[in-house]
PDB file of N, CA and C in Angstrom:
ATOM      1  N   ARG A   1      -7.069 -12.740  19.244  1.00  0.00           N
ATOM      2  CA  ARG A   1      -5.932 -12.551  20.125  1.00  0.00           C
ATOM      3  C   ARG A   1      -4.878 -13.561  19.549  1.00  0.00           C
ATOM      4  N   ARG A   2      -5.189 -14.767  19.105  1.00  0.00           N
ATOM      5  CA  ARG A   2      -4.236 -15.763  18.599  1.00  0.00           C
ATOM      6  C   ARG A   2      -3.667 -15.243  17.424  1.00  0.00           C
ATOM      7  N   LEU A   3      -4.283 -14.662  16.372  1.00  0.00           N
ATOM      8  CA  LEU A   3      -3.802 -14.038  15.212  1.00  0.00           C
ATOM      9  C   LEU A   3      -2.627 -12.982  15.500  1.00  0.00           C
ATOM     10  N   VAL A   4      -3.104 -12.134  16.498  1.00  0.00           N
ATOM     11  CA  VAL A   4      -1.927 -11.072  16.924  1.00  0.00           C
ATOM     12  C   VAL A   4      -0.837 -11.775  17.507  1.00  0.00           C
ATOM     13  N   ASP A   5      -1.013 -12.730  18.419  1.00  0.00           N
ATOM     14  CA  ASP A   5       0.245 -13.366  19.027  1.00  0.00           C
ATOM     15  C   ASP A   5       1.007 -14.067  17.981  1.00  0.00           C
ATOM     16  N   ASP A   6       0.409 -14.720  17.087  1.00  0.00           N
ATOM     17  CA  ASP A   6       1.158 -15.375  15.995  1.00  0.00           C
ATOM     18  C   ASP A   6       1.882 -14.339  15.129  1.00  0.00           C
ATOM     19  N   SER A   7       1.208 -13.306  14.769  1.00  0.00           N
ATOM     20  CA  SER A   7       1.892 -12.250  13.938  1.00  0.00           C
ATOM     21  C   SER A   7       2.951 -11.572  14.614  1.00  0.00           C
ATOM     22  N   VAL A   8       3.017 -11.420  15.842  1.00  0.00           N
ATOM     23  CA  VAL A   8       4.037 -10.729  16.601  1.00  0.00           C
ATOM     24  C   VAL A   8       5.225 -11.741  16.620  1.00  0.00           C
ATOM     25  N   SER A   9       4.845 -12.999  16.909  1.00  0.00           N
ATOM     26  CA  SER A   9       5.892 -14.040  16.987  1.00  0.00           C
ATOM     27  C   SER A   9       6.596 -14.143  15.490  1.00  0.00           C
ATOM     28  N   VAL A  10       5.961 -14.142  14.432  1.00  0.00           N
ATOM     29  CA  VAL A  10       6.535 -14.185  13.213  1.00  0.00           C
ATOM     30  C   VAL A  10       7.436 -13.118  12.941  1.00  0.00           C
ATOM     31  N   LEU A  11       6.895 -11.712  13.257  1.00  0.00           N
ATOM     32  CA  LEU A  11       7.760 -10.610  13.034  1.00  0.00           C
ATOM     33  C   LEU A  11       8.983 -10.574  13.965  1.00  0.00           C
ATOM     34  N   ARG A  12       8.880 -11.181  15.181  1.00  0.00           N
ATOM     35  CA  ARG A  12      10.122 -11.197  15.989  1.00  0.00           C
ATOM     36  C   ARG A  12      11.072 -12.228  15.479  1.00  0.00           C
ATOM     37  N   GLU A  13      10.492 -13.484  15.459  1.00  0.00           N
ATOM     38  CA  GLU A  13      11.453 -14.548  15.178  1.00  0.00           C
ATOM     39  C   GLU A  13      11.943 -14.779  13.777  1.00  0.00           C
ATOM     40  N   LEU A  14      11.115 -14.495  12.726  1.00  0.00           N
ATOM     41  CA  LEU A  14      11.450 -14.628  11.418  1.00  0.00           C
ATOM     42  C   LEU A  14      12.089 -13.448  10.798  1.00  0.00           C
ATOM     43  N   PHE A  15      11.646 -12.281  11.116  1.00  0.00           N
ATOM     44  CA  PHE A  15      12.150 -11.083  10.571  1.00  0.00           C
ATOM     45  C   PHE A  15      12.916 -10.148  11.548  1.00  0.00           C
ATOM     46  N   GLY A  16      13.077 -10.491  12.786  1.00  0.00           N
ATOM     47  CA  GLY A  16      13.951  -9.877  13.634  1.00  0.00           C
ATOM     48  C   GLY A  16      13.419  -8.458  14.032  1.00  0.00           C
ATOM     49  N   VAL A  17      12.155  -8.433  14.020  1.00  0.00           N
ATOM     50  CA  VAL A  17      11.648  -6.938  14.348  1.00  0.00           C
ATOM     51  C   VAL A  17      11.639  -7.098  15.986  1.00  0.00           C
ATOM     52  N   GLY A  18      12.348  -6.164  16.595  1.00  0.00           N
ATOM     53  CA  GLY A  18      12.245  -6.103  18.045  1.00  0.00           C
ATOM     54  C   GLY A  18      11.214  -5.232  18.627  1.00  0.00           C
ATOM     55  N   SER A  19      10.838  -4.286  17.901  1.00  0.00           N
ATOM     56  CA  SER A  19      10.024  -3.210  18.372  1.00  0.00           C
ATOM     57  C   SER A  19       9.041  -2.622  17.319  1.00  0.00           C
ATOM     58  N   PRO A  20       7.931  -2.112  17.635  1.00  0.00           N
ATOM     59  CA  PRO A  20       7.031  -1.449  16.560  1.00  0.00           C
ATOM     60  C   PRO A  20       7.678  -0.321  15.930  1.00  0.00           C
ATOM     61  N   LEU A  21       8.714   0.312  16.686  1.00  0.00           N
ATOM     62  CA  LEU A  21       9.483   1.400  16.014  1.00  0.00           C
ATOM     63  C   LEU A  21      10.101   1.055  14.811  1.00  0.00           C
ATOM     64  N   GLU A  22      10.392  -0.150  14.697  1.00  0.00           N
ATOM     65  CA  GLU A  22      11.273  -0.710  13.508  1.00  0.00           C
ATOM     66  C   GLU A  22      10.416  -0.969  12.286  1.00  0.00           C
ATOM     67  N   LEU A  23       9.090  -0.904  12.455  1.00  0.00           N
ATOM     68  CA  LEU A  23       8.169  -1.047  11.314  1.00  0.00           C
ATOM     69  C   LEU A  23       8.103   0.109  10.319  1.00  0.00           C
ATOM     70  N   GLY A  24       7.832  -0.064   9.116  1.00  0.00           N
ATOM     71  CA  GLY A  24       7.536   0.970   8.134  1.00  0.00           C
ATOM     72  C   GLY A  24       6.596   0.357   7.104  1.00  0.00           C
ATOM     73  N   TYR A  25       6.272   1.136   6.063  1.00  0.00           N
ATOM     74  CA  TYR A  25       5.283   0.676   5.139  1.00  0.00           C
ATOM     75  C   TYR A  25       5.638   1.262   3.728  1.00  0.00           C
ATOM     76  N   GLN A  26       5.065   0.672   2.689  1.00  0.00           N
ATOM     77  CA  GLN A  26       5.127   1.024   1.353  1.00  0.00           C
ATOM     78  C   GLN A  26       3.628   0.772   0.805  1.00  0.00           C
ATOM     79  N   ALA A  27       3.142   1.965   0.216  1.00  0.00           N
ATOM     80  CA  ALA A  27       1.811   1.783  -0.252  1.00  0.00           C
ATOM     81  C   ALA A  27       1.648   2.722  -1.634  1.00  0.00           C
ATOM     82  N   TRP A  28       0.615   2.164  -2.484  1.00  0.00           N
ATOM     83  CA  TRP A  28       0.297   2.764  -3.726  1.00  0.00           C
ATOM     84  C   TRP A  28      -1.092   2.437  -4.025  1.00  0.00           C
ATOM     85  N   ARG A  29      -1.720   3.248  -4.904  1.00  0.00           N
ATOM     86  CA  ARG A  29      -3.054   2.874  -5.498  1.00  0.00           C
ATOM     87  C   ARG A  29      -2.806   2.803  -6.975  1.00  0.00           C
ATOM     88  N   ASN A  30      -3.070   1.690  -7.567  1.00  0.00           N
ATOM     89  CA  ASN A  30      -2.999   1.423  -9.087  1.00  0.00           C
ATOM     90  C   ASN A  30      -3.961   2.405  -9.769  1.00  0.00           C
ATOM     91  N   ALA A  31      -3.653   2.775 -10.936  1.00  0.00           N
ATOM     92  CA  ALA A  31      -4.381   3.496 -11.892  1.00  0.00           C
ATOM     93  C   ALA A  31      -5.505   2.750 -12.243  1.00  0.00           C
ATOM     94  N   GLU A  32      -6.684   3.363 -12.447  1.00  0.00           N
ATOM     95  CA  GLU A  32      -7.843   2.693 -13.013  1.00  0.00           C
ATOM     96  C   GLU A  32      -7.622   2.373 -14.487  1.00  0.00           C
ATOM     97  N   LEU A  33      -7.978   1.171 -14.800  1.00  0.00           N
ATOM     98  CA  LEU A  33      -7.679   0.658 -16.270  1.00  0.00           C
ATOM     99  C   LEU A  33      -9.116   0.824 -17.218  1.00  0.00           C
ATOM    100  N   MET A  34      -8.685   1.205 -18.297  1.00  0.00           N
ATOM    101  CA  MET A  34      -9.799   1.375 -19.289  1.00  0.00           C
ATOM    102  C   MET A  34     -10.402  -0.058 -19.596  1.00  0.00           C
ATOM    103  N   VAL A  35     -11.639  -0.214 -19.855  1.00  0.00           N
ATOM    104  CA  VAL A  35     -12.287  -1.423 -20.180  1.00  0.00           C
ATOM    105  C   VAL A  35     -12.123  -1.593 -21.732  1.00  0.00           C
ATOM    106  N   PRO A  36     -11.586  -2.820 -22.010  1.00  0.00           N
ATOM    107  CA  PRO A  36     -11.355  -3.164 -23.418  1.00  0.00           C
ATOM    108  C   PRO A  36     -12.666  -2.904 -24.347  1.00  0.00           C
ATOM    109  N   ASP A  37     -12.529  -2.503 -25.498  1.00  0.00           N
ATOM    110  CA  ASP A  37     -13.700  -2.293 -26.408  1.00  0.00           C
ATOM    111  C   ASP A  37     -14.697  -1.357 -26.028  1.00  0.00           C
ATOM    112  N   GLN A  38     -14.309  -0.484 -24.962  1.00  0.00           N
ATOM    113  CA  GLN A  38     -15.301   0.561 -24.509  1.00  0.00           C
ATOM    114  C   GLN A  38     -14.747   1.910 -25.034  1.00  0.00           C
ATOM    115  N   VAL A  39     -15.643   2.691 -25.700  1.00  0.00           N
ATOM    116  CA  VAL A  39     -15.217   4.017 -26.272  1.00  0.00           C
ATOM    117  C   VAL A  39     -15.257   5.026 -25.118  1.00  0.00           C
ATOM    118  N   TYR A  40     -14.237   5.953 -24.993  1.00  0.00           N
ATOM    119  CA  TYR A  40     -14.185   6.878 -23.973  1.00  0.00           C
ATOM    120  C   TYR A  40     -14.047   8.208 -24.445  1.00  0.00           C
ATOM    121  N   SER A  41     -14.953   9.163 -23.946  1.00  0.00           N
ATOM    122  CA  SER A  41     -14.776  10.639 -24.395  1.00  0.00           C
ATOM    123  C   SER A  41     -13.722  11.283 -23.608  1.00  0.00           C
ATOM    124  N   ASP A  42     -13.281  12.431 -23.964  1.00  0.00           N
ATOM    125  CA  ASP A  42     -12.274  13.128 -23.145  1.00  0.00           C
ATOM    126  C   ASP A  42     -12.635  13.233 -21.788  1.00  0.00           C
ATOM    127  N   GLU A  43     -13.950  13.449 -21.499  1.00  0.00           N
ATOM    128  CA  GLU A  43     -14.396  13.664 -20.055  1.00  0.00           C
ATOM    129  C   GLU A  43     -14.336  12.448 -19.263  1.00  0.00           C
ATOM    130  N   ASP A  44     -14.557  11.307 -19.985  1.00  0.00           N
ATOM    131  CA  ASP A  44     -14.508  10.004 -19.376  1.00  0.00           C
ATOM    132  C   ASP A  44     -12.997   9.664 -18.886  1.00  0.00           C
ATOM    133  N   LEU A  45     -12.107   9.978 -19.759  1.00  0.00           N
ATOM    134  CA  LEU A  45     -10.680   9.773 -19.719  1.00  0.00           C
ATOM    135  C   LEU A  45     -10.246  10.617 -18.539  1.00  0.00           C
ATOM    136  N   GLU A  46     -10.614  11.782 -18.382  1.00  0.00           N
ATOM    137  CA  GLU A  46     -10.212  12.677 -17.126  1.00  0.00           C
ATOM    138  C   GLU A  46     -10.732  12.276 -15.918  1.00  0.00           C
ATOM    139  N   GLU A  47     -11.816  11.477 -15.798  1.00  0.00           N
ATOM    140  CA  GLU A  47     -12.482  10.947 -14.697  1.00  0.00           C
ATOM    141  C   GLU A  47     -11.846   9.670 -14.130  1.00  0.00           C
ATOM    142  N   LEU A  48     -11.068   9.043 -15.144  1.00  0.00           N
ATOM    143  CA  LEU A  48     -10.274   7.793 -14.610  1.00  0.00           C
ATOM    144  C   LEU A  48      -9.235   8.203 -13.538  1.00  0.00           C
ATOM    145  N   ASP A  49      -9.228   7.285 -12.483  1.00  0.00           N
ATOM    146  CA  ASP A  49      -8.296   7.443 -11.377  1.00  0.00           C
ATOM    147  C   ASP A  49      -6.818   7.285 -11.862  1.00  0.00           C
ATOM    148  N   PRO A  50      -6.026   8.224 -11.703  1.00  0.00           N
ATOM    149  CA  PRO A  50      -4.751   7.959 -12.282  1.00  0.00           C
ATOM    150  C   PRO A  50      -3.852   7.100 -11.264  1.00  0.00           C
ATOM    151  N   GLY A  51      -4.265   6.816 -10.045  1.00  0.00           N
ATOM    152  CA  GLY A  51      -3.568   6.210  -9.042  1.00  0.00           C
ATOM    153  C   GLY A  51      -2.559   7.149  -8.330  1.00  0.00           C
ATOM    154  N   GLU A  52      -1.980   6.451  -7.548  1.00  0.00           N
ATOM    155  CA  GLU A  52      -0.993   7.394  -6.658  1.00  0.00           C
ATOM    156  C   GLU A  52       0.149   6.472  -6.184  1.00  0.00           C
ATOM    157  N   SER A  53       1.537   6.909  -6.543  1.00  0.00           N
ATOM    158  CA  SER A  53       2.618   6.049  -6.116  1.00  0.00           C
ATOM    159  C   SER A  53       3.678   7.170  -5.769  1.00  0.00           C
ATOM    160  N   PRO A  54       4.280   7.322  -4.555  1.00  0.00           N
ATOM    161  CA  PRO A  54       3.722   6.444  -3.482  1.00  0.00           C
ATOM    162  C   PRO A  54       2.394   7.177  -2.969  1.00  0.00           C
ATOM    163  N   LEU A  55       1.767   6.245  -2.151  1.00  0.00           N
ATOM    164  CA  LEU A  55       0.446   6.817  -1.437  1.00  0.00           C
ATOM    165  C   LEU A  55       0.989   6.929  -0.021  1.00  0.00           C
ATOM    166  N   LEU A  56       0.981   8.187   0.300  1.00  0.00           N
ATOM    167  CA  LEU A  56       1.495   8.475   1.583  1.00  0.00           C
ATOM    168  C   LEU A  56       0.184   8.548   2.647  1.00  0.00           C
ATOM    169  N   LEU A  57       0.386   7.780   3.802  1.00  0.00           N
ATOM    170  CA  LEU A  57      -0.774   7.606   4.630  1.00  0.00           C
ATOM    171  C   LEU A  57      -0.260   7.944   6.139  1.00  0.00           C
ATOM    172  N   ASP A  58      -1.115   8.420   6.895  1.00  0.00           N
ATOM    173  CA  ASP A  58      -0.680   8.769   8.236  1.00  0.00           C
ATOM    174  C   ASP A  58      -0.996   7.464   9.219  1.00  0.00           C
ATOM    175  N   LEU A  59       0.074   6.531   9.208  1.00  0.00           N
ATOM    176  CA  LEU A  59      -0.148   5.238   9.869  1.00  0.00           C
ATOM    177  C   LEU A  59       0.659   5.382  11.303  1.00  0.00           C
ATOM    178  N   GLY A  60       1.251   6.450  11.399  1.00  0.00           N
ATOM    179  CA  GLY A  60       2.114   6.661  12.627  1.00  0.00           C
ATOM    180  C   GLY A  60       3.423   5.692  12.622  1.00  0.00           C
ATOM    181  N   ILE A  61       3.744   5.275  11.289  1.00  0.00           N
ATOM    182  CA  ILE A  61       5.042   4.584  11.233  1.00  0.00           C
ATOM    183  C   ILE A  61       5.665   5.202   9.725  1.00  0.00           C
ATOM    184  N   PRO A  62       6.907   5.122   9.657  1.00  0.00           N
ATOM    185  CA  PRO A  62       7.441   5.838   8.663  1.00  0.00           C
ATOM    186  C   PRO A  62       7.274   5.122   7.190  1.00  0.00           C
ATOM    187  N   TYR A  63       7.262   5.945   6.243  1.00  0.00           N
ATOM    188  CA  TYR A  63       7.147   5.493   4.806  1.00  0.00           C
ATOM    189  C   TYR A  63       8.500   4.947   4.456  1.00  0.00           C
ATOM    190  N   ILE A  64       8.660   3.868   3.711  1.00  0.00           N
ATOM    191  CA  ILE A  64       9.975   3.357   3.272  1.00  0.00           C
ATOM    192  C   ILE A  64      10.013   3.334   1.829  1.00  0.00           C
ATOM    193  N   PRO A  65      10.678   4.348   1.102  1.00  0.00           N
ATOM    194  CA  PRO A  65      10.614   4.302  -0.369  1.00  0.00           C
ATOM    195  C   PRO A  65      11.109   2.967  -1.055  1.00  0.00           C
ATOM    196  N   ALA A  66      10.591   2.538  -2.032  1.00  0.00           N
ATOM    197  CA  ALA A  66      10.869   1.310  -2.770  1.00  0.00           C
ATOM    198  C   ALA A  66      12.233   1.612  -3.281  1.00  0.00           C
ATOM    199  N   SER A  67      13.070   0.433  -3.173  1.00  0.00           N
ATOM    200  CA  SER A  67      14.455   0.490  -3.710  1.00  0.00           C
ATOM    201  C   SER A  67      14.659  -0.161  -4.950  1.00  0.00           C
TER     202      SER A  67
END
């Protein structure tokens, strides 16, 4: 409870957030990196996670594009 109260205080006092409706988010998932000195087949390369940017989530708050 203390963490929540402190977080709300910081949002209000330092960042001027007056309501949860003023919140938004930015999210992404970095691409999976290849391990140095490891040999990859074409199939291995296709399986690497390419990442996602923006990563759109249903958080109930708007996505804010990076500026």
